[in-house]
N, C-alpha and C. Protein backbone atom coordinates (compact mmCIF):
# COMPACT_ATOMS: atom_id res chain seq x y z
N MET A 1 0.83 -1.09 0.01
CA MET A 1 -0.01 0.03 0.01
C MET A 1 0.89 1.18 0.00
N HIS A 2 0.51 2.21 -0.75
CA HIS A 2 1.27 3.47 -0.84
C HIS A 2 0.31 4.64 -0.44
N ILE A 3 0.72 5.47 0.47
CA ILE A 3 -0.13 6.61 0.89
C ILE A 3 0.59 7.85 0.56
N ASP A 4 -0.17 8.70 0.00
CA ASP A 4 0.33 10.05 -0.43
C ASP A 4 -0.46 11.14 0.11
N ILE A 5 0.16 12.08 0.75
CA ILE A 5 -0.58 13.29 1.26
C ILE A 5 -0.10 14.50 0.58
N ASP A 6 -1.04 15.18 -0.11
CA ASP A 6 -0.79 16.39 -0.82
C ASP A 6 -0.73 17.60 0.10
N LYS A 7 0.41 17.92 0.56
CA LYS A 7 0.54 19.06 1.47
C LYS A 7 0.08 20.45 1.03
N ASP A 8 0.00 20.51 -0.35
CA ASP A 8 -0.49 21.85 -0.99
C ASP A 8 -2.08 21.78 -0.75
N VAL A 9 -2.74 20.72 -0.66
CA VAL A 9 -4.16 20.57 -0.50
C VAL A 9 -4.52 20.50 0.86
N CYS A 10 -3.77 19.80 1.78
CA CYS A 10 -4.28 19.61 3.13
C CYS A 10 -4.52 20.88 3.96
N ILE A 11 -5.65 20.96 4.58
CA ILE A 11 -6.05 22.13 5.41
C ILE A 11 -5.83 21.86 6.95
N GLY A 12 -5.35 20.68 7.32
CA GLY A 12 -5.17 20.30 8.71
C GLY A 12 -6.39 20.03 9.45
N ALA A 13 -7.48 19.57 8.79
CA ALA A 13 -8.71 19.18 9.54
C ALA A 13 -8.59 18.04 10.50
N GLY A 14 -7.58 17.28 10.36
CA GLY A 14 -7.27 16.21 11.33
C GLY A 14 -8.06 14.97 11.29
N GLN A 15 -8.94 14.88 10.47
CA GLN A 15 -9.96 13.67 10.25
C GLN A 15 -9.07 12.39 10.08
N CYS A 16 -8.01 12.55 9.28
CA CYS A 16 -7.25 11.18 9.04
C CYS A 16 -6.64 10.76 10.36
N ALA A 17 -6.12 11.66 11.27
CA ALA A 17 -5.60 11.28 12.51
C ALA A 17 -6.60 10.76 13.48
N LEU A 18 -7.84 11.25 13.34
CA LEU A 18 -8.91 10.71 14.23
C LEU A 18 -9.31 9.37 13.84
N VAL A 19 -9.39 9.07 12.52
CA VAL A 19 -9.89 7.83 11.92
C VAL A 19 -8.73 6.75 12.04
N ALA A 20 -7.53 7.02 11.76
CA ALA A 20 -6.48 6.12 11.82
C ALA A 20 -5.19 6.65 12.61
N PRO A 21 -5.36 6.81 13.84
CA PRO A 21 -4.28 7.44 14.67
C PRO A 21 -3.03 6.64 14.73
N ASP A 22 -3.01 5.41 14.28
CA ASP A 22 -1.79 4.59 14.36
C ASP A 22 -0.95 4.70 12.95
N VAL A 23 -1.55 5.54 12.09
CA VAL A 23 -0.87 5.78 10.82
C VAL A 23 -0.61 7.32 10.62
N PHE A 24 -1.65 8.14 10.94
CA PHE A 24 -1.59 9.57 10.65
C PHE A 24 -1.38 10.35 11.98
N THR A 25 -0.67 11.54 11.75
CA THR A 25 -0.64 12.49 12.77
C THR A 25 -0.61 13.83 12.12
N GLN A 26 -0.48 14.90 12.91
CA GLN A 26 -0.38 16.20 12.36
C GLN A 26 1.04 16.78 12.79
N ASP A 27 1.67 17.54 11.75
CA ASP A 27 2.95 18.15 12.05
C ASP A 27 2.83 19.41 12.84
N ASP A 28 3.88 20.09 13.05
CA ASP A 28 3.91 21.28 13.80
C ASP A 28 3.06 22.35 13.20
N ASP A 29 2.81 22.33 11.87
CA ASP A 29 2.00 23.29 11.19
C ASP A 29 0.51 22.81 11.12
N GLY A 30 0.21 21.65 11.75
CA GLY A 30 -1.14 21.16 11.81
C GLY A 30 -1.52 20.35 10.54
N LEU A 31 -0.66 20.14 9.61
CA LEU A 31 -0.81 19.35 8.47
C LEU A 31 -0.72 17.85 8.67
N SER A 32 -1.36 17.10 7.88
CA SER A 32 -1.28 15.73 8.01
C SER A 32 0.08 15.21 7.64
N THR A 33 0.57 14.12 8.30
CA THR A 33 1.81 13.45 8.00
C THR A 33 1.67 12.06 8.52
N LEU A 34 2.46 11.20 7.92
CA LEU A 34 2.54 9.83 8.34
C LEU A 34 3.54 9.48 9.52
N LEU A 35 3.16 8.69 10.39
CA LEU A 35 3.95 8.39 11.57
C LEU A 35 5.15 7.58 11.01
N PRO A 36 6.31 7.77 11.63
CA PRO A 36 7.49 7.00 11.19
C PRO A 36 7.26 5.56 11.23
N GLY A 37 7.61 4.82 10.21
CA GLY A 37 7.43 3.42 10.18
C GLY A 37 6.10 2.92 9.67
N ARG A 38 5.24 3.91 9.43
CA ARG A 38 3.83 3.60 9.07
C ARG A 38 3.52 4.07 7.54
N GLU A 39 4.65 4.32 6.86
CA GLU A 39 4.44 4.83 5.44
C GLU A 39 3.71 3.98 4.56
N ASP A 40 3.70 2.65 4.88
CA ASP A 40 2.92 1.62 3.97
C ASP A 40 1.56 1.29 4.55
N GLY A 41 1.21 2.05 5.69
CA GLY A 41 -0.13 1.82 6.28
C GLY A 41 -0.10 0.87 7.34
N ALA A 42 0.99 0.01 7.49
CA ALA A 42 1.12 -1.01 8.48
C ALA A 42 -0.12 -2.01 8.56
N GLY A 43 -0.62 -2.13 7.46
CA GLY A 43 -1.84 -3.16 7.51
C GLY A 43 -2.98 -2.64 8.14
N THR A 44 -3.16 -1.39 8.45
CA THR A 44 -4.34 -0.84 9.12
C THR A 44 -5.53 -0.72 8.16
N PRO A 45 -6.60 -1.36 8.46
CA PRO A 45 -7.74 -1.39 7.54
C PRO A 45 -8.40 0.02 7.47
N MET A 46 -8.05 0.88 8.46
CA MET A 46 -8.76 2.20 8.46
C MET A 46 -8.06 3.26 7.62
N VAL A 47 -7.06 2.91 6.93
CA VAL A 47 -6.29 3.86 6.08
C VAL A 47 -7.24 4.38 4.95
N ARG A 48 -7.89 3.58 4.28
CA ARG A 48 -8.74 4.04 3.16
C ARG A 48 -9.96 4.85 3.76
N GLU A 49 -10.41 4.47 4.85
CA GLU A 49 -11.46 5.33 5.51
C GLU A 49 -10.93 6.64 5.80
N ALA A 50 -9.71 6.77 6.41
CA ALA A 50 -9.14 8.05 6.69
C ALA A 50 -9.03 8.89 5.43
N ALA A 51 -8.61 8.40 4.28
CA ALA A 51 -8.59 9.08 3.08
C ALA A 51 -9.97 9.55 2.64
N ARG A 52 -10.88 8.79 2.78
CA ARG A 52 -12.26 9.11 2.40
C ARG A 52 -12.82 10.22 3.37
N ALA A 53 -12.32 10.27 4.74
CA ALA A 53 -12.72 11.21 5.58
C ALA A 53 -12.15 12.62 5.42
N CYS A 54 -11.05 12.69 4.57
CA CYS A 54 -10.36 13.97 4.40
C CYS A 54 -11.36 14.93 3.59
N PRO A 55 -11.69 16.17 4.23
CA PRO A 55 -12.70 17.00 3.60
C PRO A 55 -12.22 17.66 2.17
N VAL A 56 -10.89 17.54 1.93
CA VAL A 56 -10.34 18.23 0.71
C VAL A 56 -9.70 17.17 -0.13
N SER A 57 -9.86 15.92 0.15
CA SER A 57 -9.31 14.85 -0.65
C SER A 57 -7.75 14.94 -0.85
N ALA A 58 -7.06 15.25 0.24
CA ALA A 58 -5.63 15.36 0.16
C ALA A 58 -4.80 14.13 0.32
N ILE A 59 -5.54 13.08 0.59
CA ILE A 59 -4.94 11.72 0.78
C ILE A 59 -5.29 10.81 -0.30
N THR A 60 -4.28 10.14 -0.96
CA THR A 60 -4.55 9.04 -1.87
C THR A 60 -3.91 7.74 -1.33
N VAL A 61 -4.64 6.67 -1.55
CA VAL A 61 -4.05 5.40 -1.19
C VAL A 61 -4.13 4.55 -2.43
N SER A 62 -3.02 3.88 -2.67
CA SER A 62 -3.01 2.94 -3.94
C SER A 62 -2.24 1.70 -3.34
N GLU A 63 -2.47 0.67 -4.07
CA GLU A 63 -1.73 -0.68 -3.90
C GLU A 63 -0.53 -0.65 -4.59
N THR A 64 0.54 -1.09 -3.91
CA THR A 64 1.87 -1.22 -4.54
C THR A 64 1.93 -2.54 -5.34
N VAL A 65 2.46 -2.48 -6.49
CA VAL A 65 2.56 -3.69 -7.25
C VAL A 65 4.01 -4.32 -7.10
N SER A 66 3.93 -5.62 -6.77
CA SER A 66 5.21 -6.26 -6.44
C SER A 66 5.69 -7.17 -7.58
């Protein structure tokens, strides 16, 4: 799984961190960021829900091809 956060679009609503706090957090500016070691979603089923919860669609989740 690949997670991308568009920092130019993110408004810092924090919905991603509320839905999947084991993957997302907010940086010092209040923008969404991935927790260290969780860049691949760490198998968390709520990652896609967190992307859907983003009010400005700043998060995209895609499957990595192996």
